[in-house]
C-alpha atoms as a PDB file:
ATOM      1  CA  UNK A   1      81.698 118.576  82.686  1.00  0.00           C
ATOM      2  CA  UNK A   2      83.251 115.751  84.690  1.00  0.00           C
ATOM      3  CA  UNK A   3      82.724 115.344  88.401  1.00  0.00           C
ATOM      4  CA  UNK A   4      82.615 113.220  91.546  1.00  0.00           C
ATOM      5  CA  UNK A   5      79.371 113.587  93.459  1.00  0.00           C
ATOM      6  CA  UNK A   6      79.239 111.598  96.711  1.00  0.00           C
ATOM      7  CA  UNK A   7      75.642 110.892  97.689  1.00  0.00           C
ATOM      8  CA  UNK A   8      74.146 109.522 100.854  1.00  0.00           C
ATOM      9  CA  UNK A   9      71.327 107.196  99.729  1.00  0.00           C
ATOM     10  CA  UNK A  10      70.820 104.233  97.417  1.00  0.00           C
ATOM     11  CA  UNK A  11      68.029 106.070  95.608  1.00  0.00           C
ATOM     12  CA  UNK A  12      70.743 108.380  94.367  1.00  0.00           C
ATOM     13  CA  UNK A  13      71.770 105.495  92.096  1.00  0.00           C
ATOM     14  CA  UNK A  14      68.755 106.282  89.944  1.00  0.00           C
ATOM     15  CA  UNK A  15      69.691 109.938  89.884  1.00  0.00           C
ATOM     16  CA  UNK A  16      73.248 108.984  88.927  1.00  0.00           C
ATOM     17  CA  UNK A  17      71.957 107.462  85.683  1.00  0.00           C
ATOM     18  CA  UNK A  18      70.213 110.711  84.806  1.00  0.00           C
ATOM     19  CA  UNK A  19      73.332 112.674  85.686  1.00  0.00           C
ATOM     20  CA  UNK A  20      75.680 110.539  83.607  1.00  0.00           C
ATOM     21  CA  UNK A  21      73.900 109.215  80.530  1.00  0.00           C
ATOM     22  CA  UNK A  22      74.470 112.388  78.505  1.00  0.00           C
ATOM     23  CA  UNK A  23      78.061 112.870  79.674  1.00  0.00           C
ATOM     24  CA  UNK A  24      81.292 111.718  78.005  1.00  0.00           C
ATOM     25  CA  UNK A  25      82.702 108.219  78.710  1.00  0.00           C
ATOM     26  CA  UNK A  26      84.784 108.174  81.856  1.00  0.00           C
ATOM     27  CA  UNK A  27      82.517 110.578  83.750  1.00  0.00           C
ATOM     28  CA  UNK A  28      81.590 109.003  87.082  1.00  0.00           C
ATOM     29  CA  UNK A  29      79.798 109.368  90.404  1.00  0.00           C
ATOM     30  CA  UNK A  30      80.885 107.858  93.738  1.00  0.00           C
ATOM     31  CA  UNK A  31      78.282 107.458  96.470  1.00  0.00           C
ATOM     32  CA  UNK A  32      77.890 105.749  99.837  1.00  0.00           C
ATOM     33  CA  UNK A  33      76.153 102.367  99.826  1.00  0.00           C
ATOM     34  CA  UNK A  34      73.303 101.672 102.237  1.00  0.00           C
ATOM     35  CA  UNK A  35      73.039  98.034 101.150  1.00  0.00           C
ATOM     36  CA  UNK A  36      76.698  97.371 101.962  1.00  0.00           C
ATOM     37  CA  UNK A  37      77.769  99.450 105.006  1.00  0.00           C
ATOM     38  CA  UNK A  38      81.212 100.944 104.581  1.00  0.00           C
ATOM     39  CA  UNK A  39      81.192 100.327 100.822  1.00  0.00           C
ATOM     40  CA  UNK A  40      80.766 102.766  97.934  1.00  0.00           C
ATOM     41  CA  UNK A  41      78.823 102.631  94.703  1.00  0.00           C
ATOM     42  CA  UNK A  42      80.624 103.672  91.521  1.00  0.00           C
ATOM     43  CA  UNK A  43      78.455 104.730  88.567  1.00  0.00           C
ATOM     44  CA  UNK A  44      80.471 105.099  85.360  1.00  0.00           C
ATOM     45  CA  UNK A  45      79.561 106.309  81.871  1.00  0.00           C
ATOM     46  CA  UNK A  46      81.031 103.972  79.222  1.00  0.00           C
ATOM     47  CA  UNK A  47      81.156 104.101  75.425  1.00  0.00           C
ATOM     48  CA  UNK A  48      79.553 100.728  74.637  1.00  0.00           C
ATOM     49  CA  UNK A  49      76.845  98.692  76.393  1.00  0.00           C
ATOM     50  CA  UNK A  50      77.677  95.378  78.112  1.00  0.00           C
ATOM     51  CA  UNK A  51      77.659  92.228  75.928  1.00  0.00           C
ATOM     52  CA  UNK A  52      74.137  91.164  75.037  1.00  0.00           C
ATOM     53  CA  UNK A  53      72.564  94.521  75.860  1.00  0.00           C
ATOM     54  CA  UNK A  54      71.009  96.419  72.953  1.00  0.00           C
ATOM     55  CA  UNK A  55      71.497 100.184  72.565  1.00  0.00           C
ATOM     56  CA  UNK A  56      68.670 102.224  74.048  1.00  0.00           C
ATOM     57  CA  UNK A  57      68.129 105.628  75.604  1.00  0.00           C
ATOM     58  CA  UNK A  58      71.619 105.791  77.064  1.00  0.00           C
ATOM     59  CA  UNK A  59      70.881 104.307  80.474  1.00  0.00           C
ATOM     60  CA  UNK A  60      72.587 101.075  79.372  1.00  0.00           C
ATOM     61  CA  UNK A  61      75.832 103.039  79.054  1.00  0.00           C
ATOM     62  CA  UNK A  62      75.905 103.788  82.783  1.00  0.00           C
ATOM     63  CA  UNK A  63      77.610 100.846  84.517  1.00  0.00           C
ATOM     64  CA  UNK A  64      77.556 100.229  88.263  1.00  0.00           C
ATOM     65  CA  UNK A  65      80.357  98.821  90.430  1.00  0.00           C
ATOM     66  CA  UNK A  66      80.784  98.212  94.154  1.00  0.00           C
ATOM     67  CA  UNK A  67      83.891  99.434  95.964  1.00  0.00           C
ATOM     68  CA  UNK A  68      84.183  97.268  99.072  1.00  0.00           C
ATOM     69  CA  UNK A  69      86.253  97.874 102.210  1.00  0.00           C
ATOM     70  CA  UNK A  70      88.997  95.499 103.349  1.00  0.00           C
ATOM     71  CA  UNK A  71      91.427  95.442 106.287  1.00  0.00           C
ATOM     72  CA  UNK A  72      94.031  97.177 104.085  1.00  0.00           C
ATOM     73  CA  UNK A  73      91.811  99.669 102.273  1.00  0.00           C
ATOM     74  CA  UNK A  74      89.277  99.402  99.427  1.00  0.00           C
ATOM     75  CA  UNK A  75      88.971  97.455  96.150  1.00  0.00           C
ATOM     76  CA  UNK A  76      86.511  96.787  93.341  1.00  0.00           C
ATOM     77  CA  UNK A  77      84.310  93.840  94.304  1.00  0.00           C
ATOM     78  CA  UNK A  78      84.555  90.731  92.139  1.00  0.00           C
ATOM     79  CA  UNK A  79      87.690  91.858  90.273  1.00  0.00           C
ATOM     80  CA  UNK A  80      90.503  89.445  91.101  1.00  0.00           C
ATOM     81  CA  UNK A  81      93.071  91.361  89.056  1.00  0.00           C
ATOM     82  CA  UNK A  82      92.429  94.563  91.026  1.00  0.00           C
ATOM     83  CA  UNK A  83      94.807  95.507  93.874  1.00  0.00           C
ATOM     84  CA  UNK A  84      93.716  96.806  97.260  1.00  0.00           C
ATOM     85  CA  UNK A  85      94.104 100.586  97.529  1.00  0.00           C
ATOM     86  CA  UNK A  86      94.929 102.348 100.775  1.00  0.00           C
ATOM     87  CA  UNK A  87      92.109 104.864 100.340  1.00  0.00           C
ATOM     88  CA  UNK A  88      89.169 105.708  98.091  1.00  0.00           C
ATOM     89  CA  UNK A  89      91.092 108.643  96.647  1.00  0.00           C
ATOM     90  CA  UNK A  90      94.009 106.364  95.749  1.00  0.00           C
ATOM     91  CA  UNK A  91      91.639 103.964  93.949  1.00  0.00           C
ATOM     92  CA  UNK A  92      90.018 106.807  91.995  1.00  0.00           C
ATOM     93  CA  UNK A  93      93.344 108.344  91.039  1.00  0.00           C
ATOM     94  CA  UNK A  94      94.930 105.076  89.892  1.00  0.00           C
ATOM     95  CA  UNK A  95      91.888 104.306  87.712  1.00  0.00           C
ATOM     96  CA  UNK A  96      92.251 107.725  86.104  1.00  0.00           C
ATOM     97  CA  UNK A  97      95.701 106.565  84.927  1.00  0.00           C
ATOM     98  CA  UNK A  98      94.755 103.033  83.843  1.00  0.00           C
ATOM     99  CA  UNK A  99      91.353 101.357  83.593  1.00  0.00           C
ATOM    100  CA  UNK A 100      92.494  98.051  85.159  1.00  0.00           C
ATOM    101  CA  UNK A 101      89.245  96.045  85.510  1.00  0.00           C
ATOM    102  CA  UNK A 102      86.940  98.942  84.616  1.00  0.00           C
ATOM    103  CA  UNK A 103      85.593  99.301  81.047  1.00  0.00           C
ATOM    104  CA  UNK A 104      87.275 102.712  80.718  1.00  0.00           C
ATOM    105  CA  UNK A 105      89.542 105.065  82.644  1.00  0.00           C
ATOM    106  CA  UNK A 106      87.946 107.489  85.092  1.00  0.00           C
ATOM    107  CA  UNK A 107      88.057 111.116  83.980  1.00  0.00           C
ATOM    108  CA  UNK A 108      88.925 113.338  86.917  1.00  0.00           C
ATOM    109  CA  UNK A 109      86.649 116.360  87.253  1.00  0.00           C
ATOM    110  CA  UNK A 110      87.581 119.941  86.644  1.00  0.00           C
ATOM    111  CA  UNK A 111      85.414 120.748  89.662  1.00  0.00           C
ATOM    112  CA  UNK A 112      82.571 119.300  91.709  1.00  0.00           C
ATOM    113  CA  UNK A 113      79.350 121.180  90.897  1.00  0.00           C
ATOM    114  CA  UNK A 114      77.872 119.930  94.164  1.00  0.00           C
ATOM    115  CA  UNK A 115      80.626 121.663  96.128  1.00  0.00           C
ATOM    116  CA  UNK A 116      81.010 125.268  97.167  1.00  0.00           C
ATOM    117  CA  UNK A 117      80.721 128.141  94.674  1.00  0.00           C
ATOM    118  CA  UNK A 118      84.498 128.249  94.613  1.00  0.00           C
ATOM    119  CA  UNK A 119      84.388 124.947  92.703  1.00  0.00           C
ATOM    120  CA  UNK A 120      86.871 122.738  94.530  1.00  0.00           C
ATOM    121  CA  UNK A 121      89.109 120.985  92.031  1.00  0.00           C
ATOM    122  CA  UNK A 122      89.245 117.194  91.884  1.00  0.00           C
ATOM    123  CA  UNK A 123      92.925 117.142  92.736  1.00  0.00           C
ATOM    124  CA  UNK A 124      92.271 119.297  95.781  1.00  0.00           C
ATOM    125  CA  UNK A 125      89.485 116.946  96.853  1.00  0.00           C
ATOM    126  CA  UNK A 126      91.838 113.965  96.510  1.00  0.00           C
ATOM    127  CA  UNK A 127      94.518 115.754  98.505  1.00  0.00           C
ATOM    128  CA  UNK A 128      92.140 116.719 101.299  1.00  0.00           C
ATOM    129  CA  UNK A 129      91.358 113.017 101.812  1.00  0.00           C
ATOM    130  CA  UNK A 130      94.969 112.008 101.176  1.00  0.00           C
ATOM    131  CA  UNK A 131      96.469 108.661 100.269  1.00  0.00           C
ATOM    132  CA  UNK A 132      98.601 106.408 102.449  1.00  0.00           C
ATOM    133  CA  UNK A 133     100.370 103.057 102.432  1.00  0.00           C
ATOM    134  CA  UNK A 134     103.187 101.159 104.132  1.00  0.00           C
ATOM    135  CA  UNK A 135     106.633 101.173 102.510  1.00  0.00           C
ATOM    136  CA  UNK A 136     110.231 100.578 103.590  1.00  0.00           C
ATOM    137  CA  UNK A 137     112.308 103.609 104.534  1.00  0.00           C
ATOM    138  CA  UNK A 138     115.820 102.903 103.231  1.00  0.00           C
ATOM    139  CA  UNK A 139     117.504 106.161 104.203  1.00  0.00           C
ATOM    140  CA  UNK A 140     118.162 109.809 103.383  1.00  0.00           C
ATOM    141  CA  UNK A 141     121.153 111.611 101.924  1.00  0.00           C
ATOM    142  CA  UNK A 142     122.038 115.290 101.510  1.00  0.00           C
ATOM    143  CA  UNK A 143     122.374 116.087  97.795  1.00  0.00           C
ATOM    144  CA  UNK A 144     123.253 119.817  97.815  1.00  0.00           C
ATOM    145  CA  UNK A 145     121.247 121.392  94.946  1.00  0.00           C
ATOM    146  CA  UNK A 146     120.805 118.165  92.938  1.00  0.00           C
ATOM    147  CA  UNK A 147     117.302 117.002  91.995  1.00  0.00           C
ATOM    148  CA  UNK A 148     115.557 114.949  89.284  1.00  0.00           C
ATOM    149  CA  UNK A 149     116.239 111.396  88.129  1.00  0.00           C
ATOM    150  CA  UNK A 150     120.011 111.641  88.482  1.00  0.00           C
ATOM    151  CA  UNK A 151     119.577 112.645  92.108  1.00  0.00           C
ATOM    152  CA  UNK A 152     117.241 109.700  92.711  1.00  0.00           C
ATOM    153  CA  UNK A 153     119.663 107.303  90.997  1.00  0.00           C
ATOM    154  CA  UNK A 154     122.677 108.382  93.078  1.00  0.00           C
ATOM    155  CA  UNK A 155     120.765 108.554  96.345  1.00  0.00           C
ATOM    156  CA  UNK A 156     119.311 105.070  95.953  1.00  0.00           C
ATOM    157  CA  UNK A 157     122.789 103.678  95.332  1.00  0.00           C
ATOM    158  CA  UNK A 158     124.177 105.449  98.414  1.00  0.00           C
ATOM    159  CA  UNK A 159     121.343 104.537 100.798  1.00  0.00           C
ATOM    160  CA  UNK A 160     121.111 100.926  99.614  1.00  0.00           C
ATOM    161  CA  UNK A 161     124.853 100.487 100.105  1.00  0.00           C
ATOM    162  CA  UNK A 162     124.589 101.898 103.612  1.00  0.00           C
ATOM    163  CA  UNK A 163     121.917  99.328 104.470  1.00  0.00           C
ATOM    164  CA  UNK A 164     124.021  96.519 103.035  1.00  0.00           C
ATOM    165  CA  UNK A 165     126.996  97.743 105.110  1.00  0.00           C
ATOM    166  CA  UNK A 166     124.911  97.981 108.276  1.00  0.00           C
ATOM    167  CA  UNK A 167     125.242 101.777 108.457  1.00  0.00           C
ATOM    168  CA  UNK A 168     121.512 102.398 107.896  1.00  0.00           C
ATOM    169  CA  UNK A 169     118.577 100.472 109.332  1.00  0.00           C
ATOM    170  CA  UNK A 170     115.712  99.938 106.869  1.00  0.00           C
ATOM    171  CA  UNK A 171     112.313 100.040 108.573  1.00  0.00           C
ATOM    172  CA  UNK A 172     108.636  99.820 107.703  1.00  0.00           C
ATOM    173  CA  UNK A 173     106.989 103.253 107.671  1.00  0.00           C
ATOM    174  CA  UNK A 174     103.510 104.635 107.085  1.00  0.00           C
ATOM    175  CA  UNK A 175     103.763 106.984 104.068  1.00  0.00           C
ATOM    176  CA  UNK A 176     100.973 109.557 103.713  1.00  0.00           C
ATOM    177  CA  UNK A 177     100.560 112.155 100.956  1.00  0.00           C
ATOM    178  CA  UNK A 178      98.061 114.966 101.501  1.00  0.00           C
ATOM    179  CA  UNK A 179      97.486 118.649 100.851  1.00  0.00           C
ATOM    180  CA  UNK A 180      99.867 119.339 103.738  1.00  0.00           C
ATOM    181  CA  UNK A 181     102.765 117.423 102.196  1.00  0.00           C
ATOM    182  CA  UNK A 182     104.360 114.045 102.951  1.00  0.00           C
ATOM    183  CA  UNK A 183     104.234 112.525 106.448  1.00  0.00           C
ATOM    184  CA  UNK A 184     106.304 109.490 107.481  1.00  0.00           C
ATOM    185  CA  UNK A 185     105.574 107.505 110.636  1.00  0.00           C
ATOM    186  CA  UNK A 186     108.041 104.797 111.671  1.00  0.00           C
ATOM    187  CA  UNK A 187     105.900 101.704 112.301  1.00  0.00           C
ATOM    188  CA  UNK A 188     108.705 100.164 114.365  1.00  0.00           C
ATOM    189  CA  UNK A 189     109.679 103.358 116.288  1.00  0.00           C
ATOM    190  CA  UNK A 190     113.316 102.223 115.897  1.00  0.00           C
ATOM    191  CA  UNK A 191     114.718 105.008 113.685  1.00  0.00           C
ATOM    192  CA  UNK A 192     112.352 107.952 114.249  1.00  0.00           C
ATOM    193  CA  UNK A 193     108.790 108.624 115.361  1.00  0.00           C
ATOM    194  CA  UNK A 194     107.335 110.927 112.718  1.00  0.00           C
ATOM    195  CA  UNK A 195     108.747 113.193 110.024  1.00  0.00           C
ATOM    196  CA  UNK A 196     106.786 115.716 108.003  1.00  0.00           C
ATOM    197  CA  UNK A 197     107.820 117.373 104.737  1.00  0.00           C
ATOM    198  CA  UNK A 198     105.780 120.468 103.973  1.00  0.00           C
ATOM    199  CA  UNK A 199     104.247 120.528 100.498  1.00  0.00           C
ATOM    200  CA  UNK A 200     106.312 123.606  99.621  1.00  0.00           C
ATOM    201  CA  UNK A 201     109.554 121.744 100.411  1.00  0.00           C
ATOM    202  CA  UNK A 202     108.898 118.716  98.172  1.00  0.00           C
ATOM    203  CA  UNK A 203     110.522 119.195  94.765  1.00  0.00           C
ATOM    204  CA  UNK A 204     110.539 115.887  92.896  1.00  0.00           C
ATOM    205  CA  UNK A 205     109.633 112.197  93.149  1.00  0.00           C
ATOM    206  CA  UNK A 206     110.716 109.308  90.951  1.00  0.00           C
ATOM    207  CA  UNK A 207     111.287 105.578  90.617  1.00  0.00           C
ATOM    208  CA  UNK A 208     114.825 104.182  90.435  1.00  0.00           C
ATOM    209  CA  UNK A 209     115.844 105.047  86.832  1.00  0.00           C
ATOM    210  CA  UNK A 210     117.853 101.806  86.496  1.00  0.00           C
ATOM    211  CA  UNK A 211     115.378  99.539  88.353  1.00  0.00           C
ATOM    212  CA  UNK A 212     118.083  98.088  90.591  1.00  0.00           C
ATOM    213  CA  UNK A 213     116.075  95.036  91.602  1.00  0.00           C
ATOM    214  CA  UNK A 214     116.828  93.579  88.138  1.00  0.00           C
ATOM    215  CA  UNK A 215     120.573  94.191  88.147  1.00  0.00           C
ATOM    216  CA  UNK A 216     123.141  91.671  89.361  1.00  0.00           C
ATOM    217  CA  UNK A 217     126.856  91.534  90.107  1.00  0.00           C
ATOM    218  CA  UNK A 218     129.101  90.844  87.143  1.00  0.00           C
ATOM    219  CA  UNK A 219     132.780  91.105  86.243  1.00  0.00           C
ATOM    220  CA  UNK A 220     134.320  91.731  82.816  1.00  0.00           C
ATOM    221  CA  UNK A 221     138.086  91.755  82.272  1.00  0.00           C
ATOM    222  CA  UNK A 222     139.508  94.597  84.382  1.00  0.00           C
ATOM    223  CA  UNK A 223     136.137  96.220  84.893  1.00  0.00           C
ATOM    224  CA  UNK A 224     134.189  95.239  87.961  1.00  0.00           C
ATOM    225  CA  UNK A 225     130.616  96.453  88.304  1.00  0.00           C
ATOM    226  CA  UNK A 226     128.421  95.770  91.309  1.00  0.00           C
ATOM    227  CA  UNK A 227     124.740  96.644  91.256  1.00  0.00           C
ATOM    228  CA  UNK A 228     122.713  96.379  94.429  1.00  0.00           C
ATOM    229  CA  UNK A 229     119.529  94.389  94.638  1.00  0.00           C
ATOM    230  CA  UNK A 230     117.675  95.666  97.671  1.00  0.00           C
ATOM    231  CA  UNK A 231     116.104  92.906  99.736  1.00  0.00           C
ATOM    232  CA  UNK A 232     113.216  93.795 102.005  1.00  0.00           C
ATOM    233  CA  UNK A 233     113.936  90.858 104.291  1.00  0.00           C
ATOM    234  CA  UNK A 234     116.598  93.132 105.827  1.00  0.00           C
ATOM    235  CA  UNK A 235     113.924  95.646 106.851  1.00  0.00           C
ATOM    236  CA  UNK A 236     112.374  95.814 110.314  1.00  0.00           C
ATOM    237  CA  UNK A 237     108.663  95.252 109.921  1.00  0.00           C
ATOM    238  CA  UNK A 238     108.989  92.806 107.013  1.00  0.00           C
ATOM    239  CA  UNK A 239     106.560  89.889 107.238  1.00  0.00           C
ATOM    240  CA  UNK A 240     105.069  87.126 105.124  1.00  0.00           C
ATOM    241  CA  UNK A 241     103.105  88.563 102.216  1.00  0.00           C
ATOM    242  CA  UNK A 242     105.455  91.511 101.718  1.00  0.00           C
ATOM    243  CA  UNK A 243     107.554  91.997  98.585  1.00  0.00           C
ATOM    244  CA  UNK A 244     110.968  90.342  99.090  1.00  0.00           C
ATOM    245  CA  UNK A 245     112.819  92.042  96.203  1.00  0.00           C
ATOM    246  CA  UNK A 246     111.202  95.409  95.748  1.00  0.00           C
ATOM    247  CA  UNK A 247     111.462  98.376  93.417  1.00  0.00           C
ATOM    248  CA  UNK A 248     112.969 101.497  94.932  1.00  0.00           C
ATOM    249  CA  UNK A 249     111.777 105.088  94.688  1.00  0.00           C
ATOM    250  CA  UNK A 250     112.551 108.428  96.300  1.00  0.00           C
ATOM    251  CA  UNK A 251     111.480 112.015  96.692  1.00  0.00           C
ATOM    252  CA  UNK A 252     113.608 115.142  96.945  1.00  0.00           C
ATOM    253  CA  UNK A 253     112.797 117.874  99.474  1.00  0.00           C
ATOM    254  CA  UNK A 254     114.386 121.130 100.536  1.00  0.00           C
ATOM    255  CA  UNK A 255     116.179 120.936 103.887  1.00  0.00           C
ATOM    256  CA  UNK A 256     114.484 123.304 106.393  1.00  0.00           C
ATOM    257  CA  UNK A 257     116.284 126.651 106.811  1.00  0.00           C
ATOM    258  CA  UNK A 258     118.668 125.752 103.997  1.00  0.00           C
ATOM    259  CA  UNK A 259     119.080 126.215 100.262  1.00  0.00           C
ATOM    260  CA  UNK A 260     120.151 122.585  99.837  1.00  0.00           C
ATOM    261  CA  UNK A 261     118.154 119.411  99.249  1.00  0.00           C
ATOM    262  CA  UNK A 262     117.911 115.932 100.724  1.00  0.00           C
ATOM    263  CA  UNK A 263     116.747 112.800  98.933  1.00  0.00           C
ATOM    264  CA  UNK A 264     114.649 110.270 100.858  1.00  0.00           C
ATOM    265  CA  UNK A 265     114.728 106.683  99.603  1.00  0.00           C
ATOM    266  CA  UNK A 266     112.072 103.959  99.952  1.00  0.00           C
ATOM    267  CA  UNK A 267     111.257 100.453  98.749  1.00  0.00           C
ATOM    268  CA  UNK A 268     107.879  98.873  98.037  1.00  0.00           C
ATOM    269  CA  UNK A 269     106.583  96.694 100.852  1.00  0.00           C
ATOM    270  CA  UNK A 270     103.052  95.520 100.085  1.00  0.00           C
ATOM    271  CA  UNK A 271     102.164  93.989  96.677  1.00  0.00           C
ATOM    272  CA  UNK A 272      98.972  96.030  96.411  1.00  0.00           C
ATOM    273  CA  UNK A 273     100.815  99.323  96.902  1.00  0.00           C
ATOM    274  CA  UNK A 274     103.297  99.792  94.025  1.00  0.00           C
ATOM    275  CA  UNK A 275     105.908 102.522  94.307  1.00  0.00           C
ATOM    276  CA  UNK A 276     104.789 103.929  90.957  1.00  0.00           C
ATOM    277  CA  UNK A 277     101.381 104.762  92.463  1.00  0.00           C
ATOM    278  CA  UNK A 278     103.061 106.700  95.295  1.00  0.00           C
ATOM    279  CA  UNK A 279     105.302 108.579  92.856  1.00  0.00           C
ATOM    280  CA  UNK A 280     102.390 109.360  90.528  1.00  0.00           C
ATOM    281  CA  UNK A 281     100.285 110.675  93.396  1.00  0.00           C
ATOM    282  CA  UNK A 282     103.090 112.989  94.543  1.00  0.00           C
ATOM    283  CA  UNK A 283     103.917 114.283  91.057  1.00  0.00           C
ATOM    284  CA  UNK A 284     100.507 114.436  89.412  1.00  0.00           C
ATOM    285  CA  UNK A 285      98.313 115.359  92.346  1.00  0.00           C
ATOM    286  CA  UNK A 286     100.284 116.984  95.165  1.00  0.00           C
ATOM    287  CA  UNK A 287     102.957 118.778  93.119  1.00  0.00           C
ATOM    288  CA  UNK A 288     100.547 119.585  90.289  1.00  0.00           C
ATOM    289  CA  UNK A 289      98.220 121.260  92.786  1.00  0.00           C
ATOM    290  CA  UNK A 290     101.132 123.136  94.415  1.00  0.00           C
ATOM    291  CA  UNK A 291     102.344 124.464  91.070  1.00  0.00           C
ATOM    292  CA  UNK A 292      98.958 125.689  89.872  1.00  0.00           C
ATOM    293  CA  UNK A 293      98.783 129.489  89.575  1.00  0.00           C
END
């Protein structure tokens, strides 16, 4: 059994060892920290003890980490190669995909035994808290019934070209994914105020299949090929510390009261919030939960 069990007191750290030492590696407990207000303690079962520690009764296989708050979210304390995550749920989810600075990946729970008898799933718990970050809204395009990677590829080309031509205005937006769907809030209030896409309307999310930030203009004989490199410096809300040449991504959603789709295109803005994390959260948490029987 794998689970997250938020606890309210530091003494629960001792109980966490008893809860985890007989569990499989990757099982973890997250709890509030009294010693560091606003921070969280992460207790994690690992497969091997730290260097210099001899095997014992199993307590040495439970490692402890501090998740500290920052102006932009939360991060693992003392880990310089760790990004800042917009929320605790985003940090937990990303570490279930890759270990980063942790000794092993986190194993998401099937359910939380400390929760209600209905056994809330881990993905539902993550969705209830939600995950959010700032990105650049590049534009939207109607795509009829098209979806998938080909839809994302074409839509990114269209929307990027419109920005380059001055037809679209790229702006910084707050991008939130939750159990309710995807909510966009224009940080500049120049293009729109807020747009919400119900979870039932969202169909697909993906990164640019051809990673357009790496492609340049070239000419060969009679064939002329131009590939756009989207530059965030064109976006309203861009500032020092943001990504200048960013990766693009998009999600496809059903148009309200229609059988057709629209594709909504974005670019990364903040280095600690990669587009791949947004796409993964939509596909593997929000859509996975929606599609469960």
